[in-house]
Amino acid sequence: MADTTIKVTDDVRDRLRILADERGTSVRSLVERLATELPTDTERAERTARGLAYIRANLCPDLTDDDVRRAQEWRADIVAGRIGGRR
């Protein structure tokens, strides 16, 4: 196992400690977990392609690329808080 130093701001270091403490683990283990569990862009694209193939094969054979694009835009709007907020 290699030792690596990662320089972060004091605020980020403190946040990592809090996150690790809340999970009953070390900062090192937390960072290892994040690095191994967060998907790369390529992995996310592969998962999306597999998911869409499943949906088209089993749930909605007429799902179009335009439907997918509109759904992605809708999700982005929700995440950004442009729609779906409480009134």
C-alpha atoms as a PDB file:
ATOM      1  CA  MET A   1       0.000   0.000   0.000  1.00  0.00           C
ATOM      2  CA  ALA A   2       1.352   3.396  -0.976  1.00  0.00           C
ATOM      3  CA  ASP A   3       1.172   6.485   1.203  1.00  0.00           C
ATOM      4  CA  THR A   4       0.040   9.638  -0.555  1.00  0.00           C
ATOM      5  CA  THR A   5      -0.301  13.157   0.729  1.00  0.00           C
ATOM      6  CA  ILE A   6      -3.276  15.153  -0.483  1.00  0.00           C
ATOM      7  CA  LYS A   7      -3.297  18.848   0.261  1.00  0.00           C
ATOM      8  CA  VAL A   8      -6.712  20.280   1.063  1.00  0.00           C
ATOM      9  CA  THR A   9      -7.933  23.375   2.824  1.00  0.00           C
ATOM     10  CA  ASP A  10      -8.424  23.280   6.579  1.00  0.00           C
ATOM     11  CA  ASP A  11     -12.199  23.382   6.040  1.00  0.00           C
ATOM     12  CA  VAL A  12     -12.102  20.327   3.783  1.00  0.00           C
ATOM     13  CA  ARG A  13      -9.831  18.467   6.213  1.00  0.00           C
ATOM     14  CA  ASP A  14     -12.233  19.229   9.059  1.00  0.00           C
ATOM     15  CA  ARG A  15     -15.203  18.128   6.992  1.00  0.00           C
ATOM     16  CA  LEU A  16     -13.474  14.853   6.112  1.00  0.00           C
ATOM     17  CA  ARG A  17     -12.866  14.231   9.802  1.00  0.00           C
ATOM     18  CA  ILE A  18     -16.518  14.884  10.631  1.00  0.00           C
ATOM     19  CA  LEU A  19     -17.708  12.629   7.805  1.00  0.00           C
ATOM     20  CA  ALA A  20     -15.346   9.866   8.899  1.00  0.00           C
ATOM     21  CA  ASP A  21     -16.344  10.188  12.565  1.00  0.00           C
ATOM     22  CA  GLU A  22     -20.037  10.034  11.679  1.00  0.00           C
ATOM     23  CA  ARG A  23     -19.389   6.801   9.829  1.00  0.00           C
ATOM     24  CA  GLY A  24     -17.144   5.318  12.501  1.00  0.00           C
ATOM     25  CA  THR A  25     -14.147   5.150  10.214  1.00  0.00           C
ATOM     26  CA  SER A  26     -10.861   6.912   9.542  1.00  0.00           C
ATOM     27  CA  VAL A  27     -10.300   9.709   7.041  1.00  0.00           C
ATOM     28  CA  ARG A  28      -8.037   7.339   5.113  1.00  0.00           C
ATOM     29  CA  SER A  29     -10.803   4.714   4.861  1.00  0.00           C
ATOM     30  CA  LEU A  30     -13.353   7.356   3.929  1.00  0.00           C
ATOM     31  CA  VAL A  31     -11.182   8.659   1.090  1.00  0.00           C
ATOM     32  CA  GLU A  32     -10.486   5.098  -0.102  1.00  0.00           C
ATOM     33  CA  ARG A  33     -14.211   4.390  -0.088  1.00  0.00           C
ATOM     34  CA  LEU A  34     -15.011   7.567  -2.013  1.00  0.00           C
ATOM     35  CA  ALA A  35     -12.323   6.813  -4.597  1.00  0.00           C
ATOM     36  CA  THR A  36     -13.523   3.268  -5.165  1.00  0.00           C
ATOM     37  CA  GLU A  37     -17.284   3.838  -5.010  1.00  0.00           C
ATOM     38  CA  LEU A  38     -17.729   7.062  -6.985  1.00  0.00           C
ATOM     39  CA  PRO A  39     -18.125   6.114 -10.635  1.00  0.00           C
ATOM     40  CA  THR A  40     -15.995   7.662 -13.343  1.00  0.00           C
ATOM     41  CA  ASP A  41     -17.697   9.408 -16.263  1.00  0.00           C
ATOM     42  CA  THR A  42     -17.064   6.293 -18.367  1.00  0.00           C
ATOM     43  CA  GLU A  43     -18.606   4.016 -15.733  1.00  0.00           C
ATOM     44  CA  ARG A  44     -21.642   6.294 -15.438  1.00  0.00           C
ATOM     45  CA  ALA A  45     -22.102   6.299 -19.213  1.00  0.00           C
ATOM     46  CA  GLU A  46     -21.886   2.493 -19.285  1.00  0.00           C
ATOM     47  CA  ARG A  47     -24.460   2.200 -16.465  1.00  0.00           C
ATOM     48  CA  THR A  48     -26.761   4.608 -18.246  1.00  0.00           C
ATOM     49  CA  ALA A  49     -26.485   2.661 -21.498  1.00  0.00           C
ATOM     50  CA  ARG A  50     -27.238  -0.622 -19.701  1.00  0.00           C
ATOM     51  CA  GLY A  51     -30.191   0.971 -17.903  1.00  0.00           C
ATOM     52  CA  LEU A  52     -31.650   2.406 -21.093  1.00  0.00           C
ATOM     53  CA  ALA A  53     -31.216  -0.928 -22.871  1.00  0.00           C
ATOM     54  CA  TYR A  54     -33.096  -2.650 -20.048  1.00  0.00           C
ATOM     55  CA  ILE A  55     -35.886  -0.059 -20.073  1.00  0.00           C
ATOM     56  CA  ARG A  56     -36.299  -0.361 -23.837  1.00  0.00           C
ATOM     57  CA  ALA A  57     -36.228  -4.168 -23.709  1.00  0.00           C
ATOM     58  CA  ASN A  58     -38.550  -4.620 -20.746  1.00  0.00           C
ATOM     59  CA  LEU A  59     -40.593  -1.520 -19.981  1.00  0.00           C
ATOM     60  CA  CYS A  60     -40.848   0.999 -22.782  1.00  0.00           C
ATOM     61  CA  PRO A  61     -39.717  -0.190 -26.208  1.00  0.00           C
ATOM     62  CA  ASP A  62     -40.631   3.122 -27.849  1.00  0.00           C
ATOM     63  CA  LEU A  63     -38.458   5.261 -25.532  1.00  0.00           C
ATOM     64  CA  THR A  64     -36.655   7.740 -27.775  1.00  0.00           C
ATOM     65  CA  ASP A  65     -33.373   9.576 -27.353  1.00  0.00           C
ATOM     66  CA  ASP A  66     -35.442  12.773 -27.188  1.00  0.00           C
ATOM     67  CA  ASP A  67     -37.423  11.319 -24.259  1.00  0.00           C
ATOM     68  CA  VAL A  68     -34.151  10.584 -22.475  1.00  0.00           C
ATOM     69  CA  ARG A  69     -32.783  14.068 -23.197  1.00  0.00           C
ATOM     70  CA  ARG A  70     -35.934  15.705 -21.843  1.00  0.00           C
ATOM     71  CA  ALA A  71     -35.814  13.537 -18.711  1.00  0.00           C
ATOM     72  CA  GLN A  72     -32.180  14.493 -18.139  1.00  0.00           C
ATOM     73  CA  GLU A  73     -33.038  18.180 -18.504  1.00  0.00           C
ATOM     74  CA  TRP A  74     -35.951  17.762 -16.088  1.00  0.00           C
ATOM     75  CA  ARG A  75     -33.679  16.085 -13.529  1.00  0.00           C
ATOM     76  CA  ALA A  76     -31.057  18.818 -13.926  1.00  0.00           C
ATOM     77  CA  ASP A  77     -33.752  21.445 -13.303  1.00  0.00           C
ATOM     78  CA  ILE A  78     -34.840  19.650 -10.126  1.00  0.00           C
ATOM     79  CA  VAL A  79     -31.250  19.331  -8.859  1.00  0.00           C
ATOM     80  CA  ALA A  80     -30.606  23.008  -9.628  1.00  0.00           C
ATOM     81  CA  GLY A  81     -33.760  24.015  -7.756  1.00  0.00           C
ATOM     82  CA  ARG A  82     -35.400  25.549 -10.826  1.00  0.00           C
ATOM     83  CA  ILE A  83     -38.478  23.328 -10.423  1.00  0.00           C
ATOM     84  CA  GLY A  84     -40.016  21.255  -7.676  1.00  0.00           C
ATOM     85  CA  GLY A  85     -39.412  23.693  -4.866  1.00  0.00           C
ATOM     86  CA  ARG A  86     -41.793  24.158  -2.013  1.00  0.00           C
ATOM     87  CA  ARG A  87     -44.232  26.979  -2.340  1.00  0.00           C
END
